[in-house]
Amino acid sequence: MAKLFAVYQQPADPDKFNDYYFNHHVPLAKTIPGLRSYEVSSSDVMGGSGKHAVYLVAILSFDSMEAIGAAMASPEGKATAADLANFATAGVDIMSSETRMV
């Protein structure tokens, strides 16, 4: 299993971000080939000393790192990546890694 993590910074207008993210970006991302599951944080992201500056974390699951590479190279993956500029203006960090249960 491999996961892609999208860590979004606090937007200037959370309502506008949420509207675009959930009504446009998520449906677009769900078309990416090989996507097994899509999770998002559902409340404030917390740090050791309280609410973190991060606004939202999305976790997309795939079968492998190779599957992530193929997914992001697909037309759907490219469209989803390009869409970030339309709403993630405060910044987003994209990371991926093989994962395992311990």
N, C-alpha and C. Protein backbone atom coordinates (compact mmCIF):
# COMPACT_ATOMS: atom_id res chain seq x y z
N MET A 1 0.86 -1.18 0.00
CA MET A 1 0.00 0.00 0.00
C MET A 1 0.90 1.23 0.00
N ALA A 2 0.44 2.28 -0.66
CA ALA A 2 1.15 3.56 -0.68
C ALA A 2 0.12 4.66 -0.53
N LYS A 3 0.55 5.75 0.06
CA LYS A 3 -0.37 6.87 0.31
C LYS A 3 0.22 8.16 -0.23
N LEU A 4 -0.67 9.00 -0.71
CA LEU A 4 -0.32 10.35 -1.10
C LEU A 4 -0.98 11.27 -0.07
N PHE A 5 -0.19 12.16 0.49
CA PHE A 5 -0.68 13.09 1.51
C PHE A 5 -0.68 14.50 0.92
N ALA A 6 -1.80 15.19 1.02
CA ALA A 6 -1.90 16.59 0.62
C ALA A 6 -2.21 17.39 1.87
N VAL A 7 -1.27 18.26 2.24
CA VAL A 7 -1.40 19.03 3.48
C VAL A 7 -1.62 20.49 3.10
N TYR A 8 -2.83 20.97 3.34
CA TYR A 8 -3.24 22.31 2.93
C TYR A 8 -3.07 23.30 4.07
N GLN A 9 -2.51 24.45 3.74
CA GLN A 9 -2.35 25.53 4.72
C GLN A 9 -3.66 26.30 4.86
N GLN A 10 -3.76 27.06 5.92
CA GLN A 10 -4.97 27.81 6.26
C GLN A 10 -5.34 28.79 5.14
N PRO A 11 -6.50 28.62 4.52
CA PRO A 11 -6.91 29.55 3.45
C PRO A 11 -7.41 30.87 4.03
N ALA A 12 -7.35 31.91 3.21
CA ALA A 12 -7.86 33.22 3.63
C ALA A 12 -9.37 33.16 3.83
N ASP A 13 -10.05 32.38 3.02
CA ASP A 13 -11.51 32.25 3.10
C ASP A 13 -11.87 30.76 3.18
N PRO A 14 -11.96 30.21 4.40
CA PRO A 14 -12.25 28.78 4.55
C PRO A 14 -13.53 28.33 3.86
N ASP A 15 -14.58 29.14 3.89
CA ASP A 15 -15.84 28.74 3.25
C ASP A 15 -15.67 28.59 1.74
N LYS A 16 -14.95 29.52 1.14
CA LYS A 16 -14.70 29.46 -0.30
C LYS A 16 -13.83 28.24 -0.63
N PHE A 17 -12.80 28.00 0.19
CA PHE A 17 -11.95 26.83 0.01
C PHE A 17 -12.79 25.55 0.07
N ASN A 18 -13.58 25.41 1.13
CA ASN A 18 -14.40 24.20 1.32
C ASN A 18 -15.36 23.98 0.16
N ASP A 19 -16.00 25.04 -0.29
CA ASP A 19 -16.95 24.92 -1.39
C ASP A 19 -16.25 24.38 -2.63
N TYR A 20 -15.13 24.98 -2.98
CA TYR A 20 -14.41 24.54 -4.18
C TYR A 20 -13.83 23.14 -3.98
N TYR A 21 -13.21 22.92 -2.84
CA TYR A 21 -12.54 21.64 -2.58
C TYR A 21 -13.52 20.47 -2.65
N PHE A 22 -14.61 20.57 -1.90
CA PHE A 22 -15.53 19.44 -1.82
C PHE A 22 -16.47 19.31 -3.02
N ASN A 23 -16.77 20.42 -3.69
CA ASN A 23 -17.69 20.36 -4.81
C ASN A 23 -17.02 20.23 -6.17
N HIS A 24 -15.72 20.55 -6.25
CA HIS A 24 -15.03 20.45 -7.54
C HIS A 24 -13.79 19.56 -7.46
N HIS A 25 -12.89 19.88 -6.53
CA HIS A 25 -11.61 19.17 -6.50
C HIS A 25 -11.75 17.70 -6.12
N VAL A 26 -12.50 17.40 -5.07
CA VAL A 26 -12.65 16.01 -4.64
C VAL A 26 -13.28 15.16 -5.75
N PRO A 27 -14.39 15.59 -6.37
CA PRO A 27 -14.93 14.78 -7.47
C PRO A 27 -13.93 14.58 -8.61
N LEU A 28 -13.12 15.60 -8.91
CA LEU A 28 -12.10 15.49 -9.94
C LEU A 28 -11.05 14.47 -9.51
N ALA A 29 -10.57 14.57 -8.28
CA ALA A 29 -9.54 13.65 -7.78
C ALA A 29 -10.03 12.21 -7.75
N LYS A 30 -11.30 12.02 -7.50
CA LYS A 30 -11.85 10.66 -7.44
C LYS A 30 -11.87 9.97 -8.80
N THR A 31 -11.56 10.70 -9.88
CA THR A 31 -11.47 10.09 -11.20
C THR A 31 -10.07 9.55 -11.48
N ILE A 32 -9.11 9.80 -10.60
CA ILE A 32 -7.74 9.36 -10.82
C ILE A 32 -7.69 7.84 -10.84
N PRO A 33 -7.13 7.24 -11.89
CA PRO A 33 -7.08 5.79 -11.96
C PRO A 33 -6.21 5.19 -10.85
N GLY A 34 -6.67 4.09 -10.29
CA GLY A 34 -5.91 3.39 -9.26
C GLY A 34 -6.17 3.88 -7.86
N LEU A 35 -6.95 4.94 -7.69
CA LEU A 35 -7.25 5.45 -6.36
C LEU A 35 -8.08 4.41 -5.60
N ARG A 36 -7.62 4.01 -4.42
CA ARG A 36 -8.32 3.00 -3.62
C ARG A 36 -9.21 3.62 -2.54
N SER A 37 -8.75 4.71 -1.95
CA SER A 37 -9.57 5.41 -0.96
C SER A 37 -9.11 6.85 -0.85
N TYR A 38 -10.00 7.70 -0.33
CA TYR A 38 -9.74 9.14 -0.21
C TYR A 38 -10.28 9.56 1.14
N GLU A 39 -9.41 9.98 2.04
CA GLU A 39 -9.81 10.44 3.37
C GLU A 39 -9.39 11.89 3.54
N VAL A 40 -10.14 12.63 4.33
CA VAL A 40 -9.76 14.00 4.69
C VAL A 40 -9.97 14.20 6.18
N SER A 41 -9.19 15.09 6.75
CA SER A 41 -9.41 15.45 8.14
C SER A 41 -10.80 16.07 8.25
N SER A 42 -11.48 15.80 9.35
CA SER A 42 -12.87 16.26 9.47
C SER A 42 -13.07 17.25 10.61
N SER A 43 -12.00 17.66 11.22
CA SER A 43 -12.07 18.69 12.26
C SER A 43 -10.74 19.42 12.26
N ASP A 44 -10.55 20.32 13.21
CA ASP A 44 -9.28 21.04 13.29
C ASP A 44 -8.12 20.06 13.35
N VAL A 45 -7.05 20.39 12.63
CA VAL A 45 -5.82 19.60 12.71
C VAL A 45 -5.09 20.08 13.97
N MET A 46 -4.78 19.15 14.83
CA MET A 46 -4.20 19.51 16.13
C MET A 46 -2.71 19.19 16.17
N GLY A 47 -1.96 20.06 16.85
CA GLY A 47 -0.55 19.85 17.12
C GLY A 47 -0.37 19.63 18.62
N GLY A 48 0.85 19.50 19.04
CA GLY A 48 1.14 19.24 20.44
C GLY A 48 0.66 20.33 21.38
N SER A 49 0.57 21.56 20.89
CA SER A 49 0.16 22.67 21.75
C SER A 49 -1.17 23.28 21.32
N GLY A 50 -2.00 22.51 20.63
CA GLY A 50 -3.31 23.00 20.24
C GLY A 50 -3.49 22.99 18.73
N LYS A 51 -4.40 23.84 18.27
CA LYS A 51 -4.74 23.89 16.84
C LYS A 51 -3.51 24.20 16.00
N HIS A 52 -3.29 23.40 14.98
CA HIS A 52 -2.14 23.55 14.09
C HIS A 52 -2.48 24.55 12.99
N ALA A 53 -1.46 25.11 12.36
CA ALA A 53 -1.66 26.05 11.25
C ALA A 53 -2.17 25.33 10.00
N VAL A 54 -1.97 24.02 9.93
CA VAL A 54 -2.49 23.25 8.79
C VAL A 54 -4.01 23.26 8.85
N TYR A 55 -4.64 23.45 7.70
CA TYR A 55 -6.09 23.53 7.63
C TYR A 55 -6.74 22.17 7.39
N LEU A 56 -6.21 21.42 6.43
CA LEU A 56 -6.84 20.16 6.04
C LEU A 56 -5.76 19.21 5.55
N VAL A 57 -5.93 17.93 5.87
CA VAL A 57 -5.03 16.89 5.38
C VAL A 57 -5.87 15.88 4.60
N ALA A 58 -5.45 15.59 3.39
CA ALA A 58 -6.09 14.57 2.56
C ALA A 58 -5.12 13.40 2.41
N ILE A 59 -5.66 12.20 2.51
CA ILE A 59 -4.85 10.98 2.39
C ILE A 59 -5.48 10.12 1.30
N LEU A 60 -4.76 9.94 0.22
CA LEU A 60 -5.23 9.14 -0.91
C LEU A 60 -4.43 7.85 -0.93
N SER A 61 -5.11 6.72 -0.99
CA SER A 61 -4.46 5.41 -0.96
C SER A 61 -4.41 4.78 -2.34
N PHE A 62 -3.28 4.15 -2.62
CA PHE A 62 -3.03 3.44 -3.87
C PHE A 62 -2.35 2.11 -3.55
N ASP A 63 -2.23 1.24 -4.52
CA ASP A 63 -1.61 -0.06 -4.30
C ASP A 63 -0.11 0.02 -4.07
N SER A 64 0.57 0.99 -4.69
CA SER A 64 2.03 1.08 -4.62
C SER A 64 2.49 2.48 -5.04
N MET A 65 3.77 2.74 -4.85
CA MET A 65 4.34 4.00 -5.33
C MET A 65 4.27 4.06 -6.85
N GLU A 66 4.45 2.92 -7.49
CA GLU A 66 4.34 2.88 -8.95
C GLU A 66 2.93 3.27 -9.39
N ALA A 67 1.93 2.81 -8.64
CA ALA A 67 0.55 3.16 -8.96
C ALA A 67 0.31 4.66 -8.78
N ILE A 68 0.94 5.26 -7.76
CA ILE A 68 0.83 6.72 -7.59
C ILE A 68 1.45 7.42 -8.78
N GLY A 69 2.63 6.97 -9.20
CA GLY A 69 3.29 7.59 -10.35
C GLY A 69 2.44 7.51 -11.61
N ALA A 70 1.88 6.34 -11.86
CA ALA A 70 1.03 6.16 -13.04
C ALA A 70 -0.23 7.01 -12.92
N ALA A 71 -0.80 7.06 -11.73
CA ALA A 71 -2.03 7.84 -11.51
C ALA A 71 -1.78 9.32 -11.77
N MET A 72 -0.68 9.83 -11.26
CA MET A 72 -0.41 11.25 -11.40
C MET A 72 0.04 11.62 -12.81
N ALA A 73 0.53 10.62 -13.58
CA ALA A 73 0.91 10.86 -14.97
C ALA A 73 -0.28 10.76 -15.92
N SER A 74 -1.40 10.25 -15.42
CA SER A 74 -2.60 10.12 -16.25
C SER A 74 -3.22 11.49 -16.51
N PRO A 75 -4.06 11.60 -17.53
CA PRO A 75 -4.75 12.88 -17.77
C PRO A 75 -5.55 13.34 -16.55
N GLU A 76 -6.19 12.40 -15.84
CA GLU A 76 -6.97 12.75 -14.65
C GLU A 76 -6.06 13.25 -13.52
N GLY A 77 -4.92 12.60 -13.36
CA GLY A 77 -3.96 13.03 -12.33
C GLY A 77 -3.39 14.41 -12.64
N LYS A 78 -3.06 14.63 -13.90
CA LYS A 78 -2.53 15.94 -14.32
C LYS A 78 -3.58 17.03 -14.12
N ALA A 79 -4.83 16.73 -14.45
CA ALA A 79 -5.90 17.72 -14.27
C ALA A 79 -6.11 18.03 -12.79
N THR A 80 -6.04 17.01 -11.96
CA THR A 80 -6.21 17.21 -10.52
C THR A 80 -5.08 18.05 -9.96
N ALA A 81 -3.85 17.75 -10.36
CA ALA A 81 -2.70 18.54 -9.89
C ALA A 81 -2.80 19.99 -10.36
N ALA A 82 -3.19 20.19 -11.60
CA ALA A 82 -3.33 21.55 -12.14
C ALA A 82 -4.42 22.33 -11.42
N ASP A 83 -5.44 21.63 -10.94
CA ASP A 83 -6.56 22.27 -10.26
C ASP A 83 -6.16 22.89 -8.93
N LEU A 84 -5.06 22.46 -8.34
CA LEU A 84 -4.62 23.01 -7.05
C LEU A 84 -4.47 24.53 -7.11
N ALA A 85 -4.02 25.04 -8.23
CA ALA A 85 -3.81 26.49 -8.37
C ALA A 85 -5.12 27.26 -8.27
N ASN A 86 -6.25 26.59 -8.45
CA ASN A 86 -7.55 27.26 -8.41
C ASN A 86 -8.09 27.50 -7.01
N PHE A 87 -7.51 26.86 -6.00
CA PHE A 87 -8.06 27.02 -4.66
C PHE A 87 -7.04 26.93 -3.53
N ALA A 88 -5.91 26.30 -3.74
CA ALA A 88 -4.93 26.09 -2.67
C ALA A 88 -3.90 27.23 -2.65
N THR A 89 -4.41 28.45 -2.66
CA THR A 89 -3.54 29.62 -2.78
C THR A 89 -2.69 29.88 -1.54
N ALA A 90 -3.07 29.32 -0.40
CA ALA A 90 -2.26 29.49 0.82
C ALA A 90 -1.11 28.49 0.86
N GLY A 91 -1.14 27.50 -0.02
CA GLY A 91 -0.08 26.52 -0.10
C GLY A 91 -0.56 25.11 0.21
N VAL A 92 0.07 24.16 -0.43
CA VAL A 92 -0.21 22.75 -0.20
C VAL A 92 1.09 21.98 -0.38
N ASP A 93 1.35 21.08 0.53
CA ASP A 93 2.49 20.18 0.42
C ASP A 93 1.97 18.82 0.02
N ILE A 94 2.57 18.24 -1.02
CA ILE A 94 2.19 16.92 -1.50
C ILE A 94 3.34 15.98 -1.22
N MET A 95 3.04 14.89 -0.52
CA MET A 95 4.05 13.89 -0.18
C MET A 95 3.47 12.51 -0.45
N SER A 96 4.33 11.53 -0.68
CA SER A 96 3.85 10.17 -0.82
C SER A 96 4.87 9.20 -0.25
N SER A 97 4.37 8.02 0.13
CA SER A 97 5.24 7.03 0.74
C SER A 97 4.58 5.67 0.71
N GLU A 98 5.39 4.63 0.62
CA GLU A 98 4.90 3.29 0.89
C GLU A 98 4.49 3.26 2.35
N THR A 99 3.46 2.50 2.67
CA THR A 99 3.03 2.39 4.06
C THR A 99 2.87 0.92 4.42
N ARG A 100 2.89 0.65 5.71
CA ARG A 100 2.67 -0.70 6.19
C ARG A 100 2.01 -0.63 7.55
N MET A 101 1.27 -1.65 7.87
CA MET A 101 0.65 -1.75 9.18
C MET A 101 1.70 -2.28 10.15
N VAL A 102 1.74 -1.74 11.34
CA VAL A 102 2.67 -2.23 12.37
C VAL A 102 1.92 -2.57 13.63
